[in-house]
PDB file of N, CA and C in Angstrom:
ATOM      1  N   MET A   1     -54.253  15.347  36.084  1.00  0.00           N
ATOM      2  CA  MET A   1     -53.941  14.268  35.098  1.00  0.00           C
ATOM      3  C   MET A   1     -53.117  14.731  33.975  1.00  0.00           C
ATOM      4  N   ALA A   2     -53.449  16.623  33.646  1.00  0.00           N
ATOM      5  CA  ALA A   2     -52.606  16.707  32.671  1.00  0.00           C
ATOM      6  C   ALA A   2     -51.134  17.036  32.980  1.00  0.00           C
ATOM      7  N   VAL A   3     -50.992  17.038  34.417  1.00  0.00           N
ATOM      8  CA  VAL A   3     -49.558  17.223  34.660  1.00  0.00           C
ATOM      9  C   VAL A   3     -48.734  16.060  34.584  1.00  0.00           C
ATOM     10  N   ALA A   4     -49.594  14.612  34.979  1.00  0.00           N
ATOM     11  CA  ALA A   4     -49.132  14.014  34.972  1.00  0.00           C
ATOM     12  C   ALA A   4     -48.483  13.334  33.242  1.00  0.00           C
ATOM     13  N   LYS A   5     -49.548  13.660  32.376  1.00  0.00           N
ATOM     14  CA  LYS A   5     -49.402  13.363  31.029  1.00  0.00           C
ATOM     15  C   LYS A   5     -48.274  14.055  30.660  1.00  0.00           C
ATOM     16  N   LYS A   6     -47.858  15.311  30.756  1.00  0.00           N
ATOM     17  CA  LYS A   6     -46.725  15.900  30.471  1.00  0.00           C
ATOM     18  C   LYS A   6     -45.235  15.383  30.932  1.00  0.00           C
ATOM     19  N   THR A   7     -45.504  14.854  32.535  1.00  0.00           N
ATOM     20  CA  THR A   7     -44.283  14.129  32.955  1.00  0.00           C
ATOM     21  C   THR A   7     -44.118  13.169  32.046  1.00  0.00           C
ATOM     22  N   GLN A   8     -44.853  12.161  31.768  1.00  0.00           N
ATOM     23  CA  GLN A   8     -44.738  11.154  31.138  1.00  0.00           C
ATOM     24  C   GLN A   8     -44.252  11.267  30.172  1.00  0.00           C
ATOM     25  N   LYS A   9     -44.594  12.546  29.426  1.00  0.00           N
ATOM     26  CA  LYS A   9     -44.412  12.601  27.989  1.00  0.00           C
ATOM     27  C   LYS A   9     -42.640  12.998  28.017  1.00  0.00           C
ATOM     28  N   LYS A  10     -42.431  13.748  28.992  1.00  0.00           N
ATOM     29  CA  LYS A  10     -41.092  14.353  28.805  1.00  0.00           C
ATOM     30  C   LYS A  10     -40.044  12.990  29.470  1.00  0.00           C
ATOM     31  N   LYS A  11     -40.456  12.099  30.124  1.00  0.00           N
ATOM     32  CA  LYS A  11     -39.827  10.941  30.641  1.00  0.00           C
ATOM     33  C   LYS A  11     -39.492  10.593  29.150  1.00  0.00           C
ATOM     34  N   LYS A  12     -40.488   9.955  28.334  1.00  0.00           N
ATOM     35  CA  LYS A  12     -40.039   9.322  27.384  1.00  0.00           C
ATOM     36  C   LYS A  12     -39.540   9.714  26.389  1.00  0.00           C
ATOM     37  N   MET A  13     -39.371  11.341  26.394  1.00  0.00           N
ATOM     38  CA  MET A  13     -38.413  11.886  25.470  1.00  0.00           C
ATOM     39  C   MET A  13     -37.067  12.081  25.907  1.00  0.00           C
ATOM     40  N   SER A  14     -36.964  12.120  27.208  1.00  0.00           N
ATOM     41  CA  SER A  14     -36.082  12.110  27.952  1.00  0.00           C
ATOM     42  C   SER A  14     -34.780  10.410  27.858  1.00  0.00           C
ATOM     43  N   ILE A  15     -35.679   9.456  27.738  1.00  0.00           N
ATOM     44  CA  ILE A  15     -35.293   8.456  27.122  1.00  0.00           C
ATOM     45  C   ILE A  15     -34.946   8.018  25.962  1.00  0.00           C
ATOM     46  N   ILE A  16     -35.845   8.768  24.924  1.00  0.00           N
ATOM     47  CA  ILE A  16     -35.245   8.406  23.429  1.00  0.00           C
ATOM     48  C   ILE A  16     -34.141   9.272  23.522  1.00  0.00           C
ATOM     49  N   ILE A  17     -34.026  10.428  24.046  1.00  0.00           N
ATOM     50  CA  ILE A  17     -32.675  11.046  23.441  1.00  0.00           C
ATOM     51  C   ILE A  17     -31.393  10.437  24.346  1.00  0.00           C
ATOM     52  N   TRP A  18     -31.560  10.003  25.292  1.00  0.00           N
ATOM     53  CA  TRP A  18     -30.503   9.225  26.298  1.00  0.00           C
ATOM     54  C   TRP A  18     -30.234   7.987  24.985  1.00  0.00           C
ATOM     55  N   ALA A  19     -31.463   7.523  24.522  1.00  0.00           N
ATOM     56  CA  ALA A  19     -30.634   6.291  24.020  1.00  0.00           C
ATOM     57  C   ALA A  19     -30.035   6.870  22.686  1.00  0.00           C
ATOM     58  N   LEU A  20     -30.320   7.577  21.768  1.00  0.00           N
ATOM     59  CA  LEU A  20     -30.175   8.193  20.562  1.00  0.00           C
ATOM     60  C   LEU A  20     -28.754   8.467  20.825  1.00  0.00           C
ATOM     61  N   LEU A  21     -28.053   9.337  22.006  1.00  0.00           N
ATOM     62  CA  LEU A  21     -27.101   9.816  22.459  1.00  0.00           C
ATOM     63  C   LEU A  21     -25.905   8.663  22.827  1.00  0.00           C
ATOM     64  N   VAL A  22     -26.300   7.421  23.286  1.00  0.00           N
ATOM     65  CA  VAL A  22     -25.893   6.501  23.453  1.00  0.00           C
ATOM     66  C   VAL A  22     -25.597   5.599  22.023  1.00  0.00           C
ATOM     67  N   LEU A  23     -26.502   5.428  21.345  1.00  0.00           N
ATOM     68  CA  LEU A  23     -26.149   5.142  19.762  1.00  0.00           C
ATOM     69  C   LEU A  23     -25.408   5.972  18.927  1.00  0.00           C
ATOM     70  N   VAL A  24     -24.837   7.182  19.005  1.00  0.00           N
ATOM     71  CA  VAL A  24     -24.321   8.103  18.896  1.00  0.00           C
ATOM     72  C   VAL A  24     -22.740   7.754  18.914  1.00  0.00           C
ATOM     73  N   VAL A  25     -22.583   7.858  20.645  1.00  0.00           N
ATOM     74  CA  VAL A  25     -21.387   7.466  20.939  1.00  0.00           C
ATOM     75  C   VAL A  25     -20.891   6.011  20.765  1.00  0.00           C
ATOM     76  N   LEU A  26     -21.793   5.290  20.714  1.00  0.00           N
ATOM     77  CA  LEU A  26     -21.148   3.951  20.509  1.00  0.00           C
ATOM     78  C   LEU A  26     -21.055   3.772  18.864  1.00  0.00           C
ATOM     79  N   VAL A  27     -21.808   4.679  18.050  1.00  0.00           N
ATOM     80  CA  VAL A  27     -20.983   4.324  16.701  1.00  0.00           C
ATOM     81  C   VAL A  27     -20.221   5.201  16.251  1.00  0.00           C
ATOM     82  N   VAL A  28     -20.020   6.468  17.384  1.00  0.00           N
ATOM     83  CA  VAL A  28     -18.490   7.107  17.113  1.00  0.00           C
ATOM     84  C   VAL A  28     -17.192   6.473  17.757  1.00  0.00           C
ATOM     85  N   SER A  29     -17.599   5.824  18.503  1.00  0.00           N
ATOM     86  CA  SER A  29     -16.480   4.781  19.292  1.00  0.00           C
ATOM     87  C   SER A  29     -16.170   3.730  18.358  1.00  0.00           C
ATOM     88  N   TYR A  30     -17.046   3.019  17.561  1.00  0.00           N
ATOM     89  CA  TYR A  30     -16.704   1.939  16.652  1.00  0.00           C
ATOM     90  C   TYR A  30     -15.783   2.698  15.770  1.00  0.00           C
ATOM     91  N   ARG A  31     -16.016   3.740  14.894  1.00  0.00           N
ATOM     92  CA  ARG A  31     -15.632   4.052  13.972  1.00  0.00           C
ATOM     93  C   ARG A  31     -14.277   4.723  14.156  1.00  0.00           C
ATOM     94  N   LEU A  32     -13.843   5.024  15.390  1.00  0.00           N
ATOM     95  CA  LEU A  32     -12.842   5.235  15.716  1.00  0.00           C
ATOM     96  C   LEU A  32     -11.911   4.111  15.818  1.00  0.00           C
ATOM     97  N   VAL A  33     -11.914   3.358  16.529  1.00  0.00           N
ATOM     98  CA  VAL A  33     -11.659   1.843  16.690  1.00  0.00           C
ATOM     99  C   VAL A  33     -11.197   1.426  15.343  1.00  0.00           C
ATOM    100  N   ASP A  34     -12.010   1.584  14.598  1.00  0.00           N
ATOM    101  CA  ASP A  34     -11.767   0.523  13.008  1.00  0.00           C
ATOM    102  C   ASP A  34     -10.869   1.768  12.453  1.00  0.00           C
ATOM    103  N   LEU A  35     -10.666   3.317  12.469  1.00  0.00           N
ATOM    104  CA  LEU A  35      -9.472   4.083  11.998  1.00  0.00           C
ATOM    105  C   LEU A  35      -8.356   4.223  12.485  1.00  0.00           C
ATOM    106  N   GLU A  36      -8.594   3.762  13.795  1.00  0.00           N
ATOM    107  CA  GLU A  36      -6.973   3.611  14.377  1.00  0.00           C
ATOM    108  C   GLU A  36      -6.263   1.967  14.087  1.00  0.00           C
ATOM    109  N   GLU A  37      -7.463   1.256  13.565  1.00  0.00           N
ATOM    110  CA  GLU A  37      -6.922  -0.112  12.995  1.00  0.00           C
ATOM    111  C   GLU A  37      -6.509  -0.084  11.584  1.00  0.00           C
ATOM    112  N   GLN A  38      -7.143   0.975  11.106  1.00  0.00           N
ATOM    113  CA  GLN A  38      -6.618   0.993   9.810  1.00  0.00           C
ATOM    114  C   GLN A  38      -5.226   1.722   9.677  1.00  0.00           C
ATOM    115  N   GLN A  39      -4.794   2.750  10.796  1.00  0.00           N
ATOM    116  CA  GLN A  39      -3.861   3.322  10.871  1.00  0.00           C
ATOM    117  C   GLN A  39      -2.458   2.691  11.187  1.00  0.00           C
ATOM    118  N   ALA A  40      -3.156   1.368  11.943  1.00  0.00           N
ATOM    119  CA  ALA A  40      -1.534   0.580  12.181  1.00  0.00           C
ATOM    120  C   ALA A  40      -1.576  -0.078  11.062  1.00  0.00           C
ATOM    121  N   GLN A  41      -2.354  -0.730  10.179  1.00  0.00           N
ATOM    122  CA  GLN A  41      -2.328  -1.365   8.832  1.00  0.00           C
ATOM    123  C   GLN A  41      -1.349  -0.646   8.266  1.00  0.00           C
ATOM    124  N   ARG A  42      -1.735   0.732   7.837  1.00  0.00           N
ATOM    125  CA  ARG A  42      -0.636   1.347   6.950  1.00  0.00           C
ATOM    126  C   ARG A  42       0.874   1.546   7.697  1.00  0.00           C
ATOM    127  N   ARG A  43       0.791   1.832   9.138  1.00  0.00           N
ATOM    128  CA  ARG A  43       1.813   2.028   9.638  1.00  0.00           C
ATOM    129  C   ARG A  43       2.959   0.582   9.401  1.00  0.00           C
ATOM    130  N   HIS A  44       2.134  -0.230   9.457  1.00  0.00           N
ATOM    131  CA  HIS A  44       3.092  -1.675   8.987  1.00  0.00           C
ATOM    132  C   HIS A  44       3.115  -1.652   7.746  1.00  0.00           C
ATOM    133  N   GLU A  45       2.375  -1.454   6.651  1.00  0.00           N
ATOM    134  CA  GLU A  45       2.948  -1.340   5.488  1.00  0.00           C
ATOM    135  C   GLU A  45       3.910  -0.355   5.108  1.00  0.00           C
ATOM    136  N   VAL A  46       4.179   0.541   5.600  1.00  0.00           N
ATOM    137  CA  VAL A  46       5.080   1.681   5.507  1.00  0.00           C
ATOM    138  C   VAL A  46       6.439   1.073   5.928  1.00  0.00           C
ATOM    139  N   GLU A  47       6.150   0.519   7.029  1.00  0.00           N
ATOM    140  CA  GLU A  47       7.418  -0.372   7.818  1.00  0.00           C
ATOM    141  C   GLU A  47       7.960  -1.474   6.668  1.00  0.00           C
ATOM    142  N   VAL A  48       7.118  -2.395   6.170  1.00  0.00           N
ATOM    143  CA  VAL A  48       7.571  -2.947   5.040  1.00  0.00           C
ATOM    144  C   VAL A  48       8.268  -2.430   4.125  1.00  0.00           C
ATOM    145  N   LEU A  49       7.606  -1.416   3.210  1.00  0.00           N
ATOM    146  CA  LEU A  49       8.010  -0.935   1.982  1.00  0.00           C
ATOM    147  C   LEU A  49       9.180  -0.449   2.399  1.00  0.00           C
ATOM    148  N   THR A  50       9.237   0.263   3.751  1.00  0.00           N
ATOM    149  CA  THR A  50      10.854   1.174   3.684  1.00  0.00           C
ATOM    150  C   THR A  50      11.962  -0.144   3.967  1.00  0.00           C
ATOM    151  N   ALA A  51      11.746  -0.921   4.383  1.00  0.00           N
ATOM    152  CA  ALA A  51      12.479  -2.115   4.713  1.00  0.00           C
ATOM    153  C   ALA A  51      12.623  -2.602   3.285  1.00  0.00           C
ATOM    154  N   HIS A  52      11.790  -2.806   2.301  1.00  0.00           N
ATOM    155  CA  HIS A  52      12.142  -2.992   0.692  1.00  0.00           C
ATOM    156  C   HIS A  52      12.437  -2.124   0.303  1.00  0.00           C
ATOM    157  N   TYR A  53      12.126  -0.914   0.318  1.00  0.00           N
ATOM    158  CA  TYR A  53      13.251   0.119  -0.504  1.00  0.00           C
ATOM    159  C   TYR A  53      14.682  -0.171  -0.008  1.00  0.00           C
ATOM    160  N   GLN A  54      14.933  -0.016   1.103  1.00  0.00           N
ATOM    161  CA  GLN A  54      16.201   0.185   1.930  1.00  0.00           C
ATOM    162  C   GLN A  54      17.105  -1.219   1.324  1.00  0.00           C
ATOM    163  N   ALA A  55      15.956  -2.361   1.143  1.00  0.00           N
ATOM    164  CA  ALA A  55      16.953  -3.862   0.367  1.00  0.00           C
ATOM    165  C   ALA A  55      17.223  -3.711  -0.677  1.00  0.00           C
ATOM    166  N   LEU A  56      16.447  -2.975  -1.484  1.00  0.00           N
ATOM    167  CA  LEU A  56      16.821  -2.546  -2.994  1.00  0.00           C
ATOM    168  C   LEU A  56      17.797  -1.508  -3.458  1.00  0.00           C
ATOM    169  N   SER A  57      17.753  -0.479  -2.295  1.00  0.00           N
ATOM    170  CA  SER A  57      18.886   0.033  -2.650  1.00  0.00           C
ATOM    171  C   SER A  57      20.122  -0.257  -2.062  1.00  0.00           C
ATOM    172  N   THR A  58      20.358  -0.860  -1.171  1.00  0.00           N
ATOM    173  CA  THR A  58      21.642  -1.737  -0.777  1.00  0.00           C
ATOM    174  C   THR A  58      21.788  -2.494  -2.204  1.00  0.00           C
ATOM    175  N   HIS A  59      20.995  -3.271  -2.537  1.00  0.00           N
ATOM    176  CA  HIS A  59      21.107  -4.253  -3.721  1.00  0.00           C
ATOM    177  C   HIS A  59      21.542  -3.296  -4.981  1.00  0.00           C
ATOM    178  N   ASN A  60      20.940  -2.185  -5.671  1.00  0.00           N
ATOM    179  CA  ASN A  60      21.283  -1.705  -6.307  1.00  0.00           C
ATOM    180  C   ASN A  60      22.788  -0.754  -6.223  1.00  0.00           C
ATOM    181  N   ALA A  61      22.822  -0.350  -4.909  1.00  0.00           N
ATOM    182  CA  ALA A  61      24.294   0.322  -5.210  1.00  0.00           C
ATOM    183  C   ALA A  61      25.621  -0.755  -5.054  1.00  0.00           C
ATOM    184  N   GLU A  62      25.038  -2.141  -4.284  1.00  0.00           N
ATOM    185  CA  GLU A  62      26.222  -3.297  -4.939  1.00  0.00           C
ATOM    186  C   GLU A  62      26.382  -3.290  -6.221  1.00  0.00           C
ATOM    187  N   LEU A  63      25.333  -3.714  -7.218  1.00  0.00           N
ATOM    188  CA  LEU A  63      25.206  -3.327  -8.707  1.00  0.00           C
ATOM    189  C   LEU A  63      26.440  -2.481  -9.343  1.00  0.00           C
ATOM    190  N   GLN A  64      25.883  -1.333  -8.993  1.00  0.00           N
ATOM    191  CA  GLN A  64      26.446  -0.394  -9.325  1.00  0.00           C
ATOM    192  C   GLN A  64      27.975  -0.622  -9.071  1.00  0.00           C
ATOM    193  N   ARG A  65      28.784  -0.593  -8.247  1.00  0.00           N
ATOM    194  CA  ARG A  65      29.628  -1.079  -7.865  1.00  0.00           C
ATOM    195  C   ARG A  65      30.141  -1.986  -8.483  1.00  0.00           C
ATOM    196  N   GLN A  66      29.401  -2.994  -8.749  1.00  0.00           N
ATOM    197  CA  GLN A  66      30.036  -4.319  -9.498  1.00  0.00           C
ATOM    198  C   GLN A  66      30.240  -3.818 -11.120  1.00  0.00           C
ATOM    199  N   VAL A  67      29.271  -3.446 -11.613  1.00  0.00           N
ATOM    200  CA  VAL A  67      29.626  -3.131 -13.031  1.00  0.00           C
ATOM    201  C   VAL A  67      31.024  -1.634 -12.957  1.00  0.00           C
ATOM    202  N   ALA A  68      30.652  -0.943 -12.225  1.00  0.00           N
ATOM    203  CA  ALA A  68      32.241   0.087 -12.046  1.00  0.00           C
ATOM    204  C   ALA A  68      33.420  -0.496 -12.153  1.00  0.00           C
ATOM    205  N   ARG A  69      33.519  -1.461 -11.475  1.00  0.00           N
ATOM    206  CA  ARG A  69      34.187  -2.801 -11.039  1.00  0.00           C
ATOM    207  C   ARG A  69      34.839  -3.691 -11.891  1.00  0.00           C
ATOM    208  N   ASP A  70      33.944  -4.243 -12.530  1.00  0.00           N
ATOM    209  CA  ASP A  70      34.103  -5.650 -13.082  1.00  0.00           C
ATOM    210  C   ASP A  70      33.854  -5.181 -14.549  1.00  0.00           C
ATOM    211  N   MET A  71      33.091  -4.971 -15.006  1.00  0.00           N
ATOM    212  CA  MET A  71      32.793  -4.800 -16.344  1.00  0.00           C
ATOM    213  C   MET A  71      32.685  -3.771 -17.564  1.00  0.00           C
ATOM    214  N   SER A  72      33.509  -4.273 -18.477  1.00  0.00           N
ATOM    215  CA  SER A  72      33.633  -2.957 -19.380  1.00  0.00           C
ATOM    216  C   SER A  72      32.382  -3.059 -20.096  1.00  0.00           C
ATOM    217  N   LEU A  73      32.438  -2.095 -21.028  1.00  0.00           N
ATOM    218  CA  LEU A  73      31.261  -1.757 -22.204  1.00  0.00           C
ATOM    219  C   LEU A  73      31.124  -2.786 -23.112  1.00  0.00           C
ATOM    220  N   GLU A  74      32.016  -3.372 -23.212  1.00  0.00           N
ATOM    221  CA  GLU A  74      31.437  -4.581 -24.135  1.00  0.00           C
ATOM    222  C   GLU A  74      30.947  -6.095 -23.290  1.00  0.00           C
ATOM    223  N   GLU A  75      31.524  -5.979 -22.186  1.00  0.00           N
ATOM    224  CA  GLU A  75      30.754  -6.959 -21.410  1.00  0.00           C
ATOM    225  C   GLU A  75      29.680  -6.785 -21.001  1.00  0.00           C
ATOM    226  N   ILE A  76      29.180  -5.667 -20.712  1.00  0.00           N
ATOM    227  CA  ILE A  76      27.651  -5.103 -20.511  1.00  0.00           C
ATOM    228  C   ILE A  76      27.043  -5.397 -21.958  1.00  0.00           C
ATOM    229  N   GLU A  77      27.641  -5.263 -23.222  1.00  0.00           N
ATOM    230  CA  GLU A  77      26.637  -5.535 -24.220  1.00  0.00           C
ATOM    231  C   GLU A  77      26.263  -7.121 -24.374  1.00  0.00           C
ATOM    232  N   ARG A  78      27.568  -7.620 -23.970  1.00  0.00           N
ATOM    233  CA  ARG A  78      27.630  -9.202 -24.000  1.00  0.00           C
ATOM    234  C   ARG A  78      26.336  -9.745 -23.015  1.00  0.00           C
ATOM    235  N   ILE A  79      26.743  -9.446 -21.646  1.00  0.00           N
ATOM    236  CA  ILE A  79      25.136  -9.732 -21.150  1.00  0.00           C
ATOM    237  C   ILE A  79      23.892  -9.394 -21.646  1.00  0.00           C
ATOM    238  N   ALA A  80      23.811  -7.739 -22.244  1.00  0.00           N
ATOM    239  CA  ALA A  80      22.558  -7.376 -22.629  1.00  0.00           C
ATOM    240  C   ALA A  80      22.077  -8.488 -23.588  1.00  0.00           C
ATOM    241  N   ARG A  81      22.867  -8.958 -24.473  1.00  0.00           N
ATOM    242  CA  ARG A  81      22.412  -9.642 -25.905  1.00  0.00           C
ATOM    243  C   ARG A  81      22.063 -11.097 -25.425  1.00  0.00           C
ATOM    244  N   GLU A  82      22.963 -11.553 -24.332  1.00  0.00           N
ATOM    245  CA  GLU A  82      22.788 -12.721 -23.894  1.00  0.00           C
ATOM    246  C   GLU A  82      21.591 -13.246 -23.032  1.00  0.00           C
ATOM    247  N   GLN A  83      21.406 -12.220 -21.903  1.00  0.00           N
ATOM    248  CA  GLN A  83      20.711 -12.895 -20.977  1.00  0.00           C
ATOM    249  C   GLN A  83      19.000 -11.771 -21.143  1.00  0.00           C
ATOM    250  N   LEU A  84      19.266 -10.711 -21.588  1.00  0.00           N
ATOM    251  CA  LEU A  84      18.250 -10.200 -21.772  1.00  0.00           C
ATOM    252  C   LEU A  84      17.700  -9.633 -23.317  1.00  0.00           C
ATOM    253  N   ASP A  85      18.413 -10.929 -23.811  1.00  0.00           N
ATOM    254  CA  ASP A  85      17.804 -10.669 -25.528  1.00  0.00           C
ATOM    255  C   ASP A  85      17.527  -9.165 -26.021  1.00  0.00           C
ATOM    256  N   MET A  86      18.704  -8.356 -25.698  1.00  0.00           N
ATOM    257  CA  MET A  86      18.676  -6.693 -26.474  1.00  0.00           C
ATOM    258  C   MET A  86      19.421  -6.879 -27.496  1.00  0.00           C
ATOM    259  N   VAL A  87      19.095  -5.954 -28.433  1.00  0.00           N
ATOM    260  CA  VAL A  87      19.811  -5.606 -29.592  1.00  0.00           C
ATOM    261  C   VAL A  87      20.104  -4.050 -29.683  1.00  0.00           C
ATOM    262  N   SER A  88      21.402  -4.122 -30.384  1.00  0.00           N
ATOM    263  CA  SER A  88      21.946  -2.245 -30.326  1.00  0.00           C
ATOM    264  C   SER A  88      20.993  -1.810 -31.695  1.00  0.00           C
ATOM    265  N   PRO A  89      21.010  -0.380 -31.568  1.00  0.00           N
ATOM    266  CA  PRO A  89      20.228   0.393 -32.437  1.00  0.00           C
ATOM    267  C   PRO A  89      20.446  -0.026 -34.088  1.00  0.00           C
ATOM    268  N   GLU A  90      21.858  -0.537 -33.924  1.00  0.00           N
ATOM    269  CA  GLU A  90      22.347  -0.883 -35.764  1.00  0.00           C
ATOM    270  C   GLU A  90      21.960  -2.163 -36.520  1.00  0.00           C
ATOM    271  N   GLN A  91      21.394  -2.998 -35.372  1.00  0.00           N
ATOM    272  CA  GLN A  91      21.440  -4.170 -35.623  1.00  0.00           C
ATOM    273  C   GLN A  91      19.755  -4.449 -36.168  1.00  0.00           C
ATOM    274  N   ARG A  92      19.568  -5.399 -37.092  1.00  0.00           N
ATOM    275  CA  ARG A  92      18.290  -5.987 -37.434  1.00  0.00           C
ATOM    276  C   ARG A  92      17.865  -7.314 -36.721  1.00  0.00           C
ATOM    277  N   VAL A  93      16.762  -7.346 -36.726  1.00  0.00           N
ATOM    278  CA  VAL A  93      16.514  -8.877 -35.623  1.00  0.00           C
ATOM    279  C   VAL A  93      15.621  -9.032 -36.905  1.00  0.00           C
ATOM    280  N   PHE A  94      15.640 -10.709 -37.494  1.00  0.00           N
ATOM    281  CA  PHE A  94      14.635 -11.408 -37.855  1.00  0.00           C
ATOM    282  C   PHE A  94      14.270 -12.443 -37.182  1.00  0.00           C
ATOM    283  N   LEU A  95      12.882 -12.642 -37.491  1.00  0.00           N
ATOM    284  CA  LEU A  95      12.253 -13.821 -36.632  1.00  0.00           C
ATOM    285  C   LEU A  95      11.533 -14.649 -37.556  1.00  0.00           C
ATOM    286  N   ASP A  96      12.162 -16.057 -37.205  1.00  0.00           N
ATOM    287  CA  ASP A  96      11.698 -17.227 -37.906  1.00  0.00           C
ATOM    288  C   ASP A  96      10.293 -17.285 -37.587  1.00  0.00           C
ATOM    289  N   ILE A  97       9.417 -17.605 -38.499  1.00  0.00           N
ATOM    290  CA  ILE A  97       8.114 -17.706 -37.974  1.00  0.00           C
ATOM    291  C   ILE A  97       7.398 -18.904 -38.897  1.00  0.00           C
ATOM    292  N   SER A  98       8.470 -19.667 -39.399  1.00  0.00           N
ATOM    293  CA  SER A  98       7.998 -20.679 -40.147  1.00  0.00           C
ATOM    294  C   SER A  98       7.632 -22.201 -39.407  1.00  0.00           C
ATOM    295  N   GLY A  99       8.011 -22.184 -38.127  1.00  0.00           N
ATOM    296  CA  GLY A  99       7.996 -23.401 -37.146  1.00  0.00           C
ATOM    297  C   GLY A  99       8.953 -24.225 -37.174  1.00  0.00           C
ATOM    298  N   ARG A 100       9.840 -24.333 -38.238  1.00  0.00           N
ATOM    299  CA  ARG A 100      10.730 -25.546 -38.442  1.00  0.00           C
ATOM    300  C   ARG A 100      11.865 -25.168 -37.178  1.00  0.00           C
TER     301      ARG A 100
END
């Protein structure tokens, strides 16, 4: 009878160990799948950002060519004043806060 209890106890421990092992394998597998999904998302983000960077670089190069080709310093200053509300360092700006 003592031998049967030992065998039964070993059987229970074996089942518990296998159950824990299966649980660990499932958790690790789930984590690996999750990490692979995150990596795929990051790869996609890198592709999108790279394409955006290339588009901006192309646009920047075109703007630089346009500035070098078409605009004098006076033209650039005019655009800065009119479109960007910029002023030269020598100018003073007065702001009317009277509301009229």
